[in-house]
Protein backbone atom coordinates (compact mmCIF):
# COMPACT_ATOMS: atom_id res chain seq x y z
CA MET A 1 11.29 16.81 28.02
CA ASN A 2 12.34 18.62 24.83
CA TRP A 3 10.49 18.29 21.54
CA ARG A 4 13.08 15.95 20.02
CA ALA A 5 12.76 13.45 22.87
CA LEU A 6 8.97 13.64 22.55
CA PHE A 7 9.17 13.01 18.80
CA TRP A 8 11.52 10.09 19.39
CA ARG A 9 9.13 8.38 21.80
CA LEU A 10 6.18 9.01 19.49
CA HIS A 11 8.16 7.70 16.51
CA ARG A 12 9.25 4.58 18.37
CA TRP A 13 5.92 3.48 19.80
CA VAL A 14 3.79 4.40 16.79
CA GLY A 15 6.31 2.60 14.59
CA LEU A 16 6.21 -0.57 16.66
CA ALA A 17 2.40 -0.49 16.75
CA CYS A 18 2.17 -0.09 12.95
CA ALA A 19 5.08 -2.35 11.91
CA ALA A 20 3.27 -5.65 11.26
CA VAL A 21 0.34 -4.14 9.35
CA PHE A 22 2.65 -1.74 7.50
CA LEU A 23 4.83 -4.65 6.32
CA VAL A 24 1.83 -6.61 5.00
CA VAL A 25 0.45 -3.54 3.20
CA ALA A 26 3.87 -2.61 1.78
CA LEU A 27 4.57 -6.11 0.44
CA THR A 28 1.12 -6.55 -1.11
CA GLY A 29 1.28 -3.01 -2.51
CA THR A 30 4.52 -3.79 -4.33
CA ALA A 31 3.02 -7.00 -5.69
CA LEU A 32 -0.04 -5.10 -6.94
CA LEU A 33 2.18 -2.52 -8.65
CA ILE A 34 3.99 -5.29 -10.49
CA GLU A 35 0.68 -6.99 -11.37
CA PRO A 36 -0.01 -5.05 -14.60
CA GLN A 37 3.11 -6.60 -16.11
CA ILE A 38 2.19 -10.20 -15.20
CA ASN A 39 -1.61 -9.75 -15.21
CA LEU A 40 -2.45 -11.58 -11.97
CA LYS A 41 -6.08 -10.61 -12.38
CA GLY A 42 -6.28 -12.30 -15.76
CA ALA A 43 -7.83 -9.19 -17.34
CA VAL A 44 -9.09 -9.69 -20.87
CA ARG A 45 -6.86 -8.24 -23.57
CA LEU A 46 -8.85 -6.06 -25.95
CA ASP A 47 -8.55 -6.59 -29.70
CA ASP A 48 -8.32 -2.83 -30.23
CA PRO A 49 -6.97 -0.31 -27.69
CA ALA A 50 -9.72 1.69 -25.98
CA THR A 51 -9.57 5.24 -27.32
CA SER A 52 -12.77 6.53 -25.71
CA LEU A 53 -15.02 5.83 -22.74
CA ALA A 54 -18.27 5.99 -24.67
CA GLY A 55 -19.14 2.39 -23.82
CA VAL A 56 -18.96 2.63 -20.02
CA GLU A 57 -22.62 3.62 -19.61
CA THR A 58 -23.64 1.03 -22.21
CA ALA A 59 -21.87 -1.75 -20.32
CA LEU A 60 -23.44 -0.69 -17.01
CA GLY A 61 -26.86 -0.67 -18.64
CA ARG A 62 -26.40 -4.17 -20.02
CA LEU A 63 -25.24 -5.46 -16.63
CA ALA A 64 -28.27 -3.87 -14.94
CA VAL A 65 -30.54 -5.81 -17.32
CA ASP A 66 -28.67 -9.11 -17.03
CA TYR A 67 -28.16 -8.90 -13.24
CA PRO A 68 -31.17 -6.97 -11.89
CA HIS A 69 -30.54 -8.09 -8.29
CA HIS A 70 -27.04 -6.61 -8.19
CA GLN A 71 -25.84 -3.02 -7.94
CA PRO A 72 -22.66 -1.68 -9.56
CA GLY A 73 -19.80 -0.74 -7.26
CA LEU A 74 -16.33 0.61 -7.85
CA ILE A 75 -15.19 0.81 -11.47
CA LEU A 76 -11.51 -0.03 -11.97
CA PRO A 77 -9.78 1.13 -15.18
CA GLY A 78 -7.58 -1.30 -17.05
CA SER A 79 -3.86 -1.11 -16.38
CA THR A 80 -3.27 -0.25 -20.05
CA SER A 81 -5.42 0.85 -22.99
CA GLN A 82 -5.53 -2.78 -24.18
CA ARG A 83 -6.83 -4.22 -20.91
CA SER A 84 -10.49 -4.54 -20.02
CA TRP A 85 -12.11 -2.47 -17.29
CA GLN A 86 -13.67 -4.03 -14.21
CA VAL A 87 -16.77 -3.21 -12.20
CA GLY A 88 -17.89 -4.88 -8.99
CA LEU A 89 -21.50 -6.03 -8.68
CA ARG A 90 -22.78 -6.42 -5.13
CA PRO A 91 -26.11 -8.04 -4.17
CA ALA A 92 -28.76 -5.37 -3.62
CA SER A 93 -30.27 -7.33 -0.72
CA GLY A 94 -26.90 -7.99 0.90
CA GLU A 95 -27.33 -11.73 0.37
CA GLY A 96 -25.68 -13.82 -2.30
CA SER A 97 -22.34 -13.71 -4.08
CA ALA A 98 -20.65 -10.55 -5.27
CA LEU A 99 -19.63 -10.54 -8.92
CA SER A 100 -16.87 -8.98 -10.95
CA ALA A 101 -17.57 -7.97 -14.56
CA GLU A 102 -15.00 -7.21 -17.28
CA PHE A 103 -16.03 -4.91 -20.13
CA ASP A 104 -14.68 -2.94 -23.06
CA PRO A 105 -14.91 0.79 -22.18
CA GLY A 106 -14.96 1.75 -25.83
CA SER A 107 -17.70 -0.50 -27.23
CA GLY A 108 -19.55 -1.30 -24.01
CA ARG A 109 -19.33 -5.04 -24.69
CA VAL A 110 -19.42 -7.19 -21.53
CA LEU A 111 -16.55 -9.65 -21.84
CA ARG A 112 -16.75 -11.77 -18.72
CA VAL A 113 -18.60 -12.05 -15.40
CA ASP A 114 -17.09 -14.07 -12.54
CA LYS A 115 -17.50 -14.39 -8.82
CA ALA A 116 -15.57 -11.65 -7.09
CA GLU A 117 -12.26 -12.29 -5.33
CA THR A 118 -11.40 -15.45 -7.24
CA SER A 119 -8.13 -14.31 -8.85
CA LEU A 120 -4.79 -14.00 -7.11
CA ARG A 121 -4.90 -10.25 -7.67
CA ASP A 122 -8.26 -10.02 -5.89
CA VAL A 123 -6.86 -11.96 -2.93
CA LEU A 124 -3.84 -9.64 -2.73
CA LEU A 125 -6.11 -6.61 -3.04
CA LYS A 126 -8.37 -7.81 -0.23
CA LEU A 127 -5.35 -8.47 2.01
CA HIS A 128 -3.94 -5.05 1.11
CA ASN A 129 -7.18 -3.17 1.80
CA SER A 130 -8.68 -5.00 4.77
CA LEU A 131 -6.37 -7.83 5.96
CA PHE A 132 -9.28 -10.23 5.31
CA LEU A 133 -11.08 -8.65 8.28
CA GLY A 134 -13.81 -6.69 6.49
CA VAL A 135 -14.71 -3.29 7.90
CA THR A 136 -12.56 -3.89 11.00
CA GLY A 137 -9.54 -4.54 8.80
CA LYS A 138 -10.17 -1.38 6.79
CA LEU A 139 -10.22 0.65 9.99
CA VAL A 140 -6.95 -0.98 11.09
CA VAL A 141 -5.35 -0.14 7.74
CA LEU A 142 -6.67 3.42 7.98
CA ALA A 143 -5.19 3.80 11.48
CA MET A 144 -1.91 2.42 10.16
CA ALA A 145 -1.91 4.93 7.29
CA LEU A 146 -2.39 7.82 9.72
CA GLY A 147 0.39 6.37 11.87
CA VAL A 148 2.72 6.18 8.86
CA ILE A 149 2.13 9.86 8.10
CA CYS A 150 2.99 10.62 11.75
CA LEU A 151 6.15 8.48 11.48
CA THR A 152 7.32 10.29 8.35
CA ILE A 153 6.82 13.73 9.90
CA THR A 154 8.47 12.87 13.23
CA GLY A 155 11.29 10.94 11.58
CA VAL A 156 12.29 13.79 9.28
CA ALA A 157 11.81 16.41 12.00
CA MET A 158 14.10 14.79 14.56
CA MET A 159 16.79 13.59 12.14
CA ARG A 160 20.09 15.41 12.40
CA ARG A 161 22.26 16.21 9.36
CA ARG A 162 19.55 15.33 6.87
CA TRP A 163 21.54 16.48 3.85
CA LYS A 164 24.50 14.31 4.84
CA ALA A 165 22.20 11.31 5.32
CA LEU A 166 20.59 11.96 1.94
CA THR A 167 23.83 12.34 0.00
CA SER A 168 25.69 9.49 1.74
CA SER A 169 25.52 5.84 0.79
CA PRO A 170 22.36 4.10 2.03
CA LEU A 171 24.64 1.42 3.51
CA ALA A 172 27.21 3.75 5.06
CA PRO A 173 29.09 2.41 8.11
CA PRO A 174 29.30 2.10 11.04
CA LEU A 175 25.64 1.08 11.40
CA ARG A 176 24.36 0.19 7.94
CA ALA A 177 20.80 -0.53 9.05
CA ARG A 178 20.48 2.95 10.53
CA SER A 179 21.93 4.55 7.39
CA LEU A 180 19.48 2.58 5.25
CA HIS A 181 16.57 3.53 7.52
CA HIS A 182 17.43 7.24 7.35
CA TRP A 183 18.17 7.24 3.62
CA THR A 184 15.03 5.37 2.54
CA GLY A 185 12.93 7.46 4.94
CA LEU A 186 14.17 10.67 3.34
CA VAL A 187 14.13 9.48 -0.27
CA GLY A 188 10.82 7.65 -0.08
CA GLY A 189 9.11 9.94 2.44
CA LEU A 190 7.10 11.83 -0.17
CA PHE A 191 5.85 8.63 -1.78
CA ILE A 192 5.07 7.05 1.60
CA VAL A 193 2.91 10.04 2.56
CA LEU A 194 1.31 10.01 -0.92
CA TRP A 195 0.39 6.33 -0.65
CA ALA A 196 -0.82 6.64 2.94
CA SER A 197 -3.00 9.69 2.22
CA THR A 198 -4.54 8.43 -1.04
CA GLY A 199 -5.05 4.82 0.06
CA PHE A 200 -8.40 5.49 1.74
CA MET A 201 -9.57 7.80 -1.09
CA LYS A 202 -9.39 5.22 -3.87
CA VAL A 203 -13.08 5.54 -4.56
CA MET A 204 -11.98 8.57 -6.58
CA ILE A 205 -10.38 7.63 -9.91
CA ALA A 206 -7.79 10.43 -9.60
CA ALA A 207 -6.77 9.31 -6.11
CA LYS A 208 -6.55 5.70 -7.34
CA ALA A 209 -4.25 6.78 -10.17
CA LEU A 210 -2.03 8.63 -7.71
CA HIS A 211 -2.02 5.66 -5.35
CA THR A 212 -1.25 2.98 -7.95
CA GLY A 213 0.62 4.88 -10.65
CA LEU A 214 -1.72 3.64 -13.38
CA TRP A 215 -0.61 6.09 -16.02
CA GLU A 216 0.10 5.51 -19.69
CA ARG A 217 3.80 6.11 -19.09
CA SER A 218 6.03 3.11 -18.47
CA TRP A 219 8.81 5.19 -16.89
CA LEU A 220 6.43 6.59 -14.27
CA HIS A 221 5.18 3.12 -13.42
CA ALA A 222 8.82 2.01 -13.05
CA VAL A 223 9.42 4.89 -10.62
CA TYR A 224 6.43 3.78 -8.53
CA VAL A 225 7.69 0.19 -8.42
CA LEU A 226 11.20 1.31 -7.45
CA PHE A 227 9.98 3.62 -4.68
CA SER A 228 7.60 0.95 -3.38
CA LEU A 229 10.70 -0.80 -2.02
CA THR A 230 11.44 2.11 0.36
CA PRO A 231 8.53 1.41 2.78
CA ILE A 232 9.66 -2.23 3.00
CA ALA A 233 13.21 -1.14 3.88
CA VAL A 234 11.92 1.35 6.46
CA VAL A 235 9.57 -1.07 8.19
CA VAL A 236 12.20 -3.84 8.36
CA THR A 237 15.09 -1.70 9.60
CA GLY A 238 13.02 0.28 12.14
CA PRO A 239 12.13 -2.59 14.53
CA TRP A 240 15.59 -4.10 14.01
CA LEU A 241 17.21 -0.85 15.23
CA TRP A 242 14.86 -0.83 18.23
CA LEU A 243 15.83 -4.40 19.14
CA ARG A 244 19.51 -3.61 18.71
CA ARG A 245 19.15 -0.57 20.95
CA ARG A 246 17.45 -2.64 23.67
CA ARG A 247 20.10 -5.37 23.71
CA PRO A 248 22.92 -3.30 25.32
CA ALA A 249 20.46 -1.91 27.89
CA ARG A 250 19.30 -5.44 28.78
CA ASN A 251 22.88 -6.71 29.06
CA LYS A 252 23.80 -3.76 31.29
CA ALA A 253 20.81 -4.46 33.56
CA GLU A 254 21.80 -8.13 33.82
CA ARG A 255 25.40 -7.23 34.76
CA SER A 256 24.15 -4.83 37.42
CA THR A 257 21.93 -7.54 38.88
CA ARG A 258 24.82 -9.99 39.09
CA ARG A 259 26.93 -7.45 41.01
CA ILE A 260 24.36 -7.14 43.81
CA PRO A 261 25.59 -9.33 46.71
CA SER A 262 23.18 -11.90 48.03
CA ALA A 263 21.72 -11.32 51.51
């Protein structure tokens, strides 16, 4: 077996194993990228844009006094300078409800404290990160991310005439689904690897910014949203091509069976 045949088998079976989870993560990821524009989380709009982070420690100190039985978790920056920041508060004993606090990073003023995972954005984020399965779901998503990196490498490595596929129409005949699969895989490959590799490092603010595109540049955010469509195209066309490839083989096997004379 040559290396191309080996890559093809690896690409096929890893792709089929990852397809369902990859589709869920890709769809929810696109929704979360669009969220800053429609504010699914319902983040508080600040009266004055935050120009410094001097109030972060002040806000954490106030929350420690007001909620002594909770510990601060991940701090999420606002999507723009006029949106509040968020910090998760988890019960120190492991019992009780987790909370989500909104605060002004400039003044340190606590704006709102709610139960965690009550907004539509929180539901999407939980589905995106763990499939509602807790630690087990996070491990599944992590395995999927590693599989997606493998798919990108094997897909690019075994593709013939890459430059032609890249410069041709994404819906070039005769098989438009295959052209779209190759084109989106090549064009979006860098972003797919970026998202897959930074997804499980979001505890770091820099990795979160790379993963979500939360920069103070609207054009860059638009690029992220546009390229977020490429994983959806790849994960839809991949299994479809596999099913289409199996259909002629199945029909051929059925014709061969019918030709065998009965005893």
